[in-house]
Amino acid sequence: MTKTIIENGLVIDGHGGAPRKGEVVVVDGNKIDYVGPKSNYQAIGDEVVVDAEGGAILPGFIDTHVHMMMEYSPLSERLTTPFSYRYFQVQEYMKETLNAGVTTVRDALGTDLGVKKAVQNGLVAGPRMQLSINALTITGGHGDGTQLNGDVLDIQPSDFRGMPDGRCDGVAEVRKKAREMLRAGAEVLKVHATGGVLSPTDHPTFTQFSPEELEAIVQEGQYRNGVKVMAHAQGSEGIKNAVRAGIHSIEHGIFVDDEAADLMVENGTYLVPTLLAPVSVLETADEKGMPQSAVDKTKEVIESHRKSVKLAYDKGVKIAMGTDAGVMKHGTNLRELALMNEAGVDAMDTIVMTTKNAAECLGWGDQVGTLEVGKLADVVVTKGNPVEELDQLQNHDYIRYVMKDGQVEKDAR
């Protein structure tokens, strides 16, 4: 099998060290075969040579919080779109994700096993996926689309085959619901531990599920060969309940306080900030028909969100990049890095959070996340040095070359 040599670029391997000149990345099949000085690699002569043109050579980027099967749209559009149309839309969403340099995602609800299988079998192009299927939520909480007039208007339908309804109350029900998600193909369990911005009948500070219910969900995952739990958790009490219950990652974390951050460090809990989500709600409110309640709640919490990320970072909480893509347009994922940097996170650290940390959050650190011999060949080439120009990562023309699992998904050089 012909090898590929990627050369003439700054190697940023995902470990956080300074970019390295004069090195190459060699791919053999779907694995990385060599990373190091060009002078130390003996080329045979029949390799495919990819010229990075002075840009950077990085691991494929990872977004640990997306909703691949949706993109927020006005209510009138949702009501007049046939359900099956979503399966054609998701093909475009996945292409845009790859074009952005994101080769792996963790889907935080809404994508069923068939989509992942279609990507794995080569029917459609898309990122590598870890699925949660649907989120567990309390009656009347974040994730329950029942409106004040009694109509059910979920952002993402959850009443089709392969997508169990997530509403449950009490320890017995959450155990059963967790088992239903696992039966449907969940590789990570998702729970709404607090209210949220987009839900109509609650608030981000509201606490959902008792500690006993959260512990039961974690236990069900442990029974299935250690399946982890991710928790939408925005209010401080809900965050602490989730961490104490043994939940693996806190999504959003808008009101992380000192106690919560210390608990997260003690327990090795990840934070997935999704700073892009509230920013996008405000930017697209009119275009997308965002509810006024969501706009009001976003304005209320957006500054606290930035401060919480800085607090967690300074405390040493493990942070993995996630965006909530689907609330905003797919393919805009890497804008998150500049937002984290603006909140006070070091530029190189944002890249580590989007590669190595993100892979470890998914439990896939032995496969992806860094440029190392033996790992899957997920490689991105950028136009310049992203450490010095994080804001350019959001532009697709800045992402010049994308390889996933040894296959070239984009070549715009």
Protein backbone atom coordinates (compact mmCIF):
# COMPACT_ATOMS: atom_id res chain seq x y z
CA MET A 1 0.00 0.00 0.00
CA THR A 2 1.33 3.42 -0.97
CA LYS A 3 2.35 5.64 1.91
CA THR A 4 1.66 9.35 2.22
CA ILE A 5 4.27 11.85 3.39
CA ILE A 6 2.97 15.18 4.69
CA GLU A 7 5.82 17.66 4.72
CA ASN A 8 6.88 21.33 4.63
CA GLY A 9 4.80 22.43 7.59
CA LEU A 10 4.93 23.12 11.31
CA VAL A 11 4.09 19.94 13.21
CA ILE A 12 1.71 20.61 16.12
CA ASP A 13 1.25 17.13 17.55
CA GLY A 14 -1.50 17.78 20.12
CA HIS A 15 0.67 17.39 23.20
CA GLY A 16 1.10 21.12 23.76
CA GLY A 17 4.75 21.58 22.83
CA ALA A 18 6.02 24.27 20.50
CA PRO A 19 5.37 23.80 16.77
CA ARG A 20 8.27 21.92 15.13
CA LYS A 21 9.92 22.71 11.81
CA GLY A 22 11.59 20.23 9.50
CA GLU A 23 9.42 17.28 10.47
CA VAL A 24 7.12 15.04 8.44
CA VAL A 25 4.09 12.91 9.18
CA VAL A 26 3.97 9.61 7.31
CA VAL A 27 0.73 7.67 6.88
CA ASP A 28 0.56 3.99 5.96
CA GLY A 29 -2.98 2.75 5.30
CA ASN A 30 -5.18 4.17 8.05
CA LYS A 31 -2.40 4.54 10.62
CA ILE A 32 0.35 7.03 11.35
CA ASP A 33 3.67 5.33 10.53
CA TYR A 34 6.21 8.02 11.40
CA VAL A 35 6.40 11.49 12.97
CA GLY A 36 9.76 13.19 13.19
CA PRO A 37 12.61 14.89 11.36
CA LYS A 38 12.46 14.53 7.59
CA SER A 39 16.18 13.77 7.59
CA ASN A 40 15.58 10.65 9.66
CA TYR A 41 12.95 9.15 7.35
CA GLN A 42 14.13 7.06 4.42
CA ALA A 43 11.60 7.53 1.62
CA ILE A 44 11.27 4.73 -0.95
CA GLY A 45 10.20 7.07 -3.73
CA ASP A 46 6.69 5.87 -4.50
CA GLU A 47 5.03 7.70 -1.61
CA VAL A 48 2.31 10.27 -2.20
CA VAL A 49 3.76 13.61 -1.08
CA VAL A 50 1.46 16.23 0.42
CA ASP A 51 3.01 19.69 0.58
CA ALA A 52 1.72 21.59 3.62
CA GLU A 53 2.94 24.78 1.92
CA GLY A 54 4.36 26.23 5.11
CA GLY A 55 1.18 25.81 7.14
CA ALA A 56 0.65 23.63 10.19
CA ILE A 57 0.18 19.86 10.39
CA LEU A 58 -2.13 18.86 13.24
CA PRO A 59 -4.24 15.96 14.50
CA GLY A 60 -7.83 15.92 13.29
CA PHE A 61 -9.89 18.21 15.51
CA ILE A 62 -12.52 16.77 17.88
CA ASP A 63 -15.80 18.36 18.97
CA THR A 64 -17.16 16.61 22.07
CA HIS A 65 -20.63 18.18 21.96
CA VAL A 66 -22.61 18.30 18.72
CA HIS A 67 -26.13 17.53 17.53
CA MET A 68 -25.41 16.09 14.11
CA MET A 69 -29.00 15.49 13.06
CA MET A 70 -30.27 19.01 13.64
CA GLU A 71 -29.62 22.63 12.88
CA TYR A 72 -31.87 25.10 14.67
CA SER A 73 -34.47 26.58 12.34
CA PRO A 74 -37.65 28.66 12.64
CA LEU A 75 -40.70 26.82 13.95
CA SER A 76 -42.62 27.27 10.69
CA GLU A 77 -39.81 25.52 8.82
CA ARG A 78 -39.71 22.65 11.27
CA LEU A 79 -43.45 22.12 11.04
CA THR A 80 -43.44 22.01 7.24
CA THR A 81 -40.40 19.77 6.72
CA PRO A 82 -41.01 16.02 6.28
CA PHE A 83 -39.12 13.98 8.83
CA SER A 84 -37.10 11.93 6.33
CA TYR A 85 -35.68 15.15 4.87
CA ARG A 86 -33.43 15.30 7.95
CA TYR A 87 -31.42 12.34 6.71
CA PHE A 88 -30.47 14.27 3.60
CA GLN A 89 -29.69 17.40 5.59
CA VAL A 90 -27.36 15.52 7.92
CA GLN A 91 -25.19 14.54 4.96
CA GLU A 92 -24.50 18.21 4.34
CA TYR A 93 -23.94 18.87 8.04
CA MET A 94 -21.36 16.09 8.15
CA LYS A 95 -19.57 17.38 5.05
CA GLU A 96 -19.37 20.84 6.57
CA THR A 97 -17.97 19.34 9.77
CA LEU A 98 -15.21 17.57 7.84
CA ASN A 99 -14.51 20.71 5.82
CA ALA A 100 -13.90 22.49 9.11
CA GLY A 101 -11.21 19.93 10.01
CA VAL A 102 -13.32 18.15 12.63
CA THR A 103 -12.83 14.41 12.12
CA THR A 104 -14.38 13.10 15.35
CA VAL A 105 -17.48 14.16 17.29
CA ARG A 106 -19.47 13.12 20.32
CA ASP A 107 -23.16 13.48 19.53
CA ALA A 108 -25.02 14.87 22.53
CA LEU A 109 -28.47 13.69 21.42
CA GLY A 110 -30.58 13.34 18.32
CA THR A 111 -28.48 11.10 16.06
CA ASP A 112 -29.45 7.46 15.78
CA LEU A 113 -27.25 4.46 15.14
CA GLY A 114 -28.11 4.30 11.44
CA VAL A 115 -26.29 7.56 10.72
CA LYS A 116 -23.12 6.32 12.37
CA LYS A 117 -23.36 3.01 10.52
CA ALA A 118 -23.80 4.81 7.19
CA VAL A 119 -20.54 6.71 7.81
CA GLN A 120 -18.69 3.60 8.98
CA ASN A 121 -19.80 1.64 5.90
CA GLY A 122 -18.83 4.42 3.50
CA LEU A 123 -22.34 5.25 2.32
CA VAL A 124 -21.84 8.90 3.26
CA ALA A 125 -18.88 11.05 4.31
CA GLY A 126 -18.83 12.15 7.91
CA PRO A 127 -16.81 12.43 11.10
CA ARG A 128 -16.17 9.50 13.41
CA MET A 129 -19.01 9.52 15.94
CA GLN A 130 -19.65 8.58 19.54
CA LEU A 131 -23.40 8.50 20.17
CA SER A 132 -25.57 9.28 23.18
CA ILE A 133 -28.81 8.63 21.19
CA ASN A 134 -31.06 10.83 23.40
CA ALA A 135 -30.82 12.60 26.73
CA LEU A 136 -32.58 11.62 29.91
CA THR A 137 -34.69 14.49 31.24
CA ILE A 138 -37.32 15.06 33.91
CA THR A 139 -40.93 15.81 33.10
CA GLY A 140 -41.14 19.56 32.56
CA GLY A 141 -37.41 20.01 32.43
CA HIS A 142 -34.80 20.80 29.82
CA GLY A 143 -35.45 18.36 27.01
CA ASP A 144 -39.21 18.13 27.54
CA GLY A 145 -40.68 19.99 24.58
CA THR A 146 -44.16 20.27 26.04
CA GLN A 147 -45.23 23.90 25.70
CA LEU A 148 -47.44 25.89 28.04
CA ASN A 149 -50.45 25.25 25.80
CA GLY A 150 -49.86 21.48 25.94
CA ASP A 151 -48.41 21.09 22.44
CA VAL A 152 -45.15 19.15 22.15
CA LEU A 153 -42.64 21.00 19.97
CA ASP A 154 -39.27 19.37 20.45
CA ILE A 155 -36.32 20.96 18.65
CA GLN A 156 -35.34 17.46 17.60
CA PRO A 157 -38.08 14.79 17.30
CA SER A 158 -37.56 11.85 19.63
CA ASP A 159 -40.49 9.62 18.79
CA PHE A 160 -39.10 7.55 15.94
CA ARG A 161 -37.55 4.09 15.78
CA GLY A 162 -34.06 4.06 17.23
CA MET A 163 -34.66 7.21 19.29
CA PRO A 164 -36.34 6.47 22.64
CA ASP A 165 -38.12 9.35 24.40
CA GLY A 166 -35.86 10.62 27.17
CA ARG A 167 -38.40 11.70 29.79
CA CYS A 168 -38.21 9.80 33.07
CA ASP A 169 -38.79 10.41 36.79
CA GLY A 170 -37.62 8.40 39.79
CA VAL A 171 -34.81 5.89 40.19
CA ALA A 172 -36.67 2.98 38.59
CA GLU A 173 -37.61 4.99 35.51
CA VAL A 174 -34.14 6.45 34.95
CA ARG A 175 -32.64 2.97 35.17
CA LYS A 176 -35.05 1.71 32.54
CA LYS A 177 -34.54 4.73 30.32
CA ALA A 178 -30.75 4.43 30.54
CA ARG A 179 -31.10 0.80 29.48
CA GLU A 180 -33.28 1.82 26.53
CA MET A 181 -30.60 4.26 25.35
CA LEU A 182 -27.93 1.59 25.67
CA ARG A 183 -30.13 -0.85 23.76
CA ALA A 184 -30.51 1.73 20.99
CA GLY A 185 -26.74 2.01 20.63
CA ALA A 186 -25.63 4.68 23.12
CA GLU A 187 -21.88 4.70 23.65
CA VAL A 188 -22.17 7.45 26.24
CA LEU A 189 -25.21 8.29 28.35
CA LYS A 190 -26.51 11.87 28.33
CA VAL A 191 -28.54 13.40 31.16
CA HIS A 192 -29.96 16.86 31.70
CA ALA A 193 -28.94 17.63 35.28
CA THR A 194 -30.21 21.24 35.15
CA GLY A 195 -32.51 23.45 33.17
CA GLY A 196 -31.32 25.28 30.10
CA VAL A 197 -31.52 28.28 27.83
CA LEU A 198 -33.67 26.90 25.02
CA SER A 199 -36.22 24.98 27.11
CA PRO A 200 -39.49 26.88 27.66
CA THR A 201 -40.43 25.96 31.24
CA ASP A 202 -37.22 26.05 33.26
CA HIS A 203 -34.02 28.05 33.87
CA PRO A 204 -30.30 27.18 33.68
CA THR A 205 -30.03 27.36 37.48
CA PHE A 206 -32.85 24.85 38.08
CA THR A 207 -31.68 21.48 39.37
CA GLN A 208 -32.99 18.34 37.66
CA PHE A 209 -32.83 14.76 38.96
CA SER A 210 -31.97 13.83 42.51
CA PRO A 211 -28.50 12.64 43.48
CA GLU A 212 -29.93 9.11 43.74
CA GLU A 213 -31.30 9.29 40.19
CA LEU A 214 -27.98 10.54 38.83
CA GLU A 215 -26.11 7.79 40.66
CA ALA A 216 -28.44 5.20 39.15
CA ILE A 217 -27.65 6.45 35.62
CA VAL A 218 -23.92 6.30 36.31
CA GLN A 219 -24.31 2.80 37.72
CA GLU A 220 -26.19 1.60 34.62
CA GLY A 221 -23.31 2.82 32.46
CA GLN A 222 -20.79 1.07 34.69
CA TYR A 223 -22.70 -2.18 34.26
CA ARG A 224 -22.14 -1.87 30.49
CA ASN A 225 -18.37 -2.08 30.45
CA GLY A 226 -17.90 1.38 31.93
CA VAL A 227 -20.03 3.51 29.61
CA LYS A 228 -19.52 7.12 30.73
CA VAL A 229 -22.19 9.73 31.45
CA MET A 230 -22.19 13.29 30.16
CA ALA A 231 -24.38 15.85 31.91
CA HIS A 232 -25.92 19.03 30.59
CA ALA A 233 -25.31 20.98 33.79
CA GLN A 234 -25.43 24.76 33.99
CA GLY A 235 -26.46 25.72 37.53
CA SER A 236 -23.90 25.23 40.31
CA GLU A 237 -26.01 22.84 42.41
CA GLY A 238 -26.74 20.61 39.44
CA ILE A 239 -23.06 20.62 38.47
CA LYS A 240 -22.03 19.51 41.96
CA ASN A 241 -24.72 16.82 42.10
CA ALA A 242 -23.46 15.45 38.78
CA VAL A 243 -19.80 15.43 39.82
CA ARG A 244 -20.56 13.76 43.16
CA ALA A 245 -22.61 11.11 41.34
CA GLY A 246 -19.58 10.15 39.27
CA ILE A 247 -20.57 11.76 35.98
CA HIS A 248 -17.68 11.95 33.53
CA SER A 249 -18.17 15.35 31.87
CA ILE A 250 -20.05 18.56 32.61
CA GLU A 251 -21.52 20.16 29.50
CA HIS A 252 -21.78 23.98 29.42
CA GLY A 253 -20.96 24.59 33.10
CA ILE A 254 -22.28 28.15 33.04
CA PHE A 255 -22.24 28.62 36.81
CA VAL A 256 -19.14 26.69 37.87
CA ASP A 257 -18.05 28.07 41.24
CA ASP A 258 -14.96 27.42 43.38
CA GLU A 259 -16.49 24.41 45.12
CA ALA A 260 -17.64 22.87 41.84
CA ALA A 261 -14.24 23.40 40.20
CA ASP A 262 -12.44 21.84 43.17
CA LEU A 263 -14.79 18.84 43.05
CA MET A 264 -14.14 18.45 39.33
CA VAL A 265 -10.37 18.45 39.85
CA GLU A 266 -10.69 15.96 42.69
CA ASN A 267 -12.83 13.59 40.63
CA GLY A 268 -11.11 14.07 37.27
CA THR A 269 -14.33 15.42 35.75
CA TYR A 270 -14.14 17.09 32.35
CA LEU A 271 -15.68 20.44 31.47
CA VAL A 272 -17.03 20.93 27.95
CA PRO A 273 -17.71 24.70 27.87
CA THR A 274 -19.61 25.28 24.56
CA LEU A 275 -19.03 29.04 24.67
CA LEU A 276 -20.21 29.25 21.07
CA ALA A 277 -23.75 28.17 21.93
CA PRO A 278 -24.98 31.29 23.78
CA VAL A 279 -23.04 33.57 21.45
CA SER A 280 -24.85 31.99 18.51
CA VAL A 281 -28.25 32.25 20.17
CA LEU A 282 -27.83 36.02 20.36
CA GLU A 283 -26.35 36.36 16.88
CA THR A 284 -29.04 34.33 15.11
CA ALA A 285 -32.09 35.06 17.27
CA ASP A 286 -34.01 36.92 14.57
CA GLU A 287 -32.91 34.75 11.65
CA LYS A 288 -33.70 31.46 13.40
CA GLY A 289 -36.76 32.57 15.32
CA MET A 290 -35.22 31.90 18.73
CA PRO A 291 -37.81 32.19 21.52
CA GLN A 292 -37.62 35.46 23.41
CA SER A 293 -37.26 33.47 26.63
CA ALA A 294 -34.06 31.90 25.26
CA VAL A 295 -32.68 35.30 24.24
CA ASP A 296 -33.44 36.75 27.67
CA LYS A 297 -31.84 33.82 29.51
CA THR A 298 -28.78 33.97 27.25
CA LYS A 299 -28.21 37.65 27.98
CA GLU A 300 -28.49 36.84 31.66
CA VAL A 301 -25.86 34.07 31.69
CA ILE A 302 -23.35 34.78 28.93
CA GLU A 303 -20.84 36.70 31.05
CA SER A 304 -21.04 34.17 33.88
CA HIS A 305 -20.27 31.47 31.32
CA ARG A 306 -16.99 33.13 30.30
CA LYS A 307 -15.96 33.65 33.92
CA SER A 308 -16.71 30.02 34.77
CA VAL A 309 -14.46 28.78 31.97
CA LYS A 310 -11.60 30.96 33.21
CA LEU A 311 -12.16 29.82 36.79
CA ALA A 312 -12.14 26.16 35.79
CA TYR A 313 -9.04 26.63 33.63
CA ASP A 314 -7.14 28.41 36.42
CA LYS A 315 -8.13 25.68 38.89
CA GLY A 316 -6.78 22.95 36.62
CA VAL A 317 -10.08 21.36 35.58
CA LYS A 318 -9.68 19.11 32.54
CA ILE A 319 -11.32 20.88 29.59
CA ALA A 320 -12.39 19.34 26.27
CA MET A 321 -13.62 21.42 23.35
CA GLY A 322 -17.31 21.23 22.50
CA THR A 323 -19.64 23.63 20.73
CA ASP A 324 -23.29 22.49 20.75
CA ALA A 325 -23.14 22.54 16.93
CA GLY A 326 -26.69 22.21 15.71
CA VAL A 327 -27.74 25.12 17.87
CA MET A 328 -25.54 27.01 15.42
CA LYS A 329 -24.45 26.02 11.91
CA HIS A 330 -22.38 22.90 11.53
CA GLY A 331 -18.91 23.63 10.26
CA THR A 332 -18.43 26.68 12.49
CA ASN A 333 -17.05 24.46 15.26
CA LEU A 334 -13.51 25.84 15.45
CA ARG A 335 -14.72 29.32 16.29
CA GLU A 336 -14.91 27.92 19.82
CA LEU A 337 -11.11 28.08 20.19
CA ALA A 338 -10.96 31.85 19.76
CA LEU A 339 -13.82 32.23 22.25
CA MET A 340 -11.94 30.12 24.81
CA ASN A 341 -8.82 32.16 24.20
CA GLU A 342 -10.78 35.40 24.72
CA ALA A 343 -12.06 33.95 28.01
CA GLY A 344 -8.47 33.54 29.21
CA VAL A 345 -7.32 30.11 27.95
CA ASP A 346 -3.82 29.91 26.43
CA ALA A 347 -3.87 29.54 22.63
CA MET A 348 -1.88 26.29 22.51
CA ASP A 349 -4.01 24.89 25.32
CA THR A 350 -7.14 25.46 23.24
CA ILE A 351 -5.61 23.24 20.55
CA VAL A 352 -4.75 20.55 23.10
CA MET A 353 -8.35 20.76 24.37
CA THR A 354 -9.57 20.18 20.81
CA THR A 355 -7.26 17.23 20.15
CA LYS A 356 -5.62 15.29 22.99
CA ASN A 357 -8.00 16.29 25.80
CA ALA A 358 -11.07 15.78 23.64
CA ALA A 359 -9.91 12.31 22.59
CA GLU A 360 -9.29 11.35 26.21
CA CYS A 361 -12.71 12.70 27.21
CA LEU A 362 -14.25 10.29 24.68
CA GLY A 363 -12.09 7.44 25.94
CA TRP A 364 -10.41 7.28 22.54
CA GLY A 365 -7.04 8.74 23.48
CA ASP A 366 -5.29 5.57 22.35
CA GLN A 367 -6.71 5.97 18.83
CA VAL A 368 -6.91 9.67 17.98
CA GLY A 369 -6.10 13.14 19.32
CA THR A 370 -2.34 13.31 18.76
CA LEU A 371 0.09 12.70 15.93
CA GLU A 372 1.75 9.50 17.13
CA VAL A 373 2.91 6.31 15.50
CA GLY A 374 0.20 3.66 15.55
CA LYS A 375 -2.73 6.03 15.95
CA LEU A 376 -5.43 6.44 13.34
CA ALA A 377 -4.42 8.76 10.52
CA ASP A 378 -6.56 11.80 11.24
CA VAL A 379 -4.50 14.75 10.00
CA VAL A 380 -5.33 18.39 9.24
CA VAL A 381 -3.20 20.92 7.39
CA THR A 382 -3.92 24.62 7.95
CA LYS A 383 -2.90 27.63 5.88
CA GLY A 384 -0.85 29.22 8.66
CA ASN A 385 0.09 28.71 12.30
CA PRO A 386 -3.22 28.51 14.22
CA VAL A 387 -1.49 29.10 17.55
CA GLU A 388 -0.87 32.67 16.37
CA GLU A 389 -4.20 33.13 14.57
CA LEU A 390 -6.92 31.11 16.29
CA ASP A 391 -9.62 33.30 14.81
CA GLN A 392 -8.71 32.06 11.33
CA LEU A 393 -9.65 28.47 12.17
CA GLN A 394 -13.34 29.30 11.72
CA ASN A 395 -12.71 29.95 8.00
CA HIS A 396 -12.96 26.83 5.86
CA ASP A 397 -10.39 28.13 3.37
CA TYR A 398 -7.87 28.18 6.23
CA ILE A 399 -8.33 24.40 6.55
CA ARG A 400 -6.40 23.23 3.48
CA TYR A 401 -6.29 19.46 3.86
CA VAL A 402 -8.24 16.93 5.91
CA MET A 403 -7.48 13.23 6.26
CA LYS A 404 -9.68 10.93 8.35
CA ASP A 405 -8.73 7.32 8.99
CA GLY A 406 -6.20 7.51 6.16
CA GLN A 407 -8.73 8.77 3.60
CA VAL A 408 -8.45 12.24 2.12
CA GLU A 409 -11.72 14.06 2.86
CA LYS A 410 -10.61 17.50 1.66
CA ASP A 411 -7.72 18.84 -0.39
CA ALA A 412 -7.98 22.57 -1.12
CA ARG A 413 -4.28 23.25 -1.55
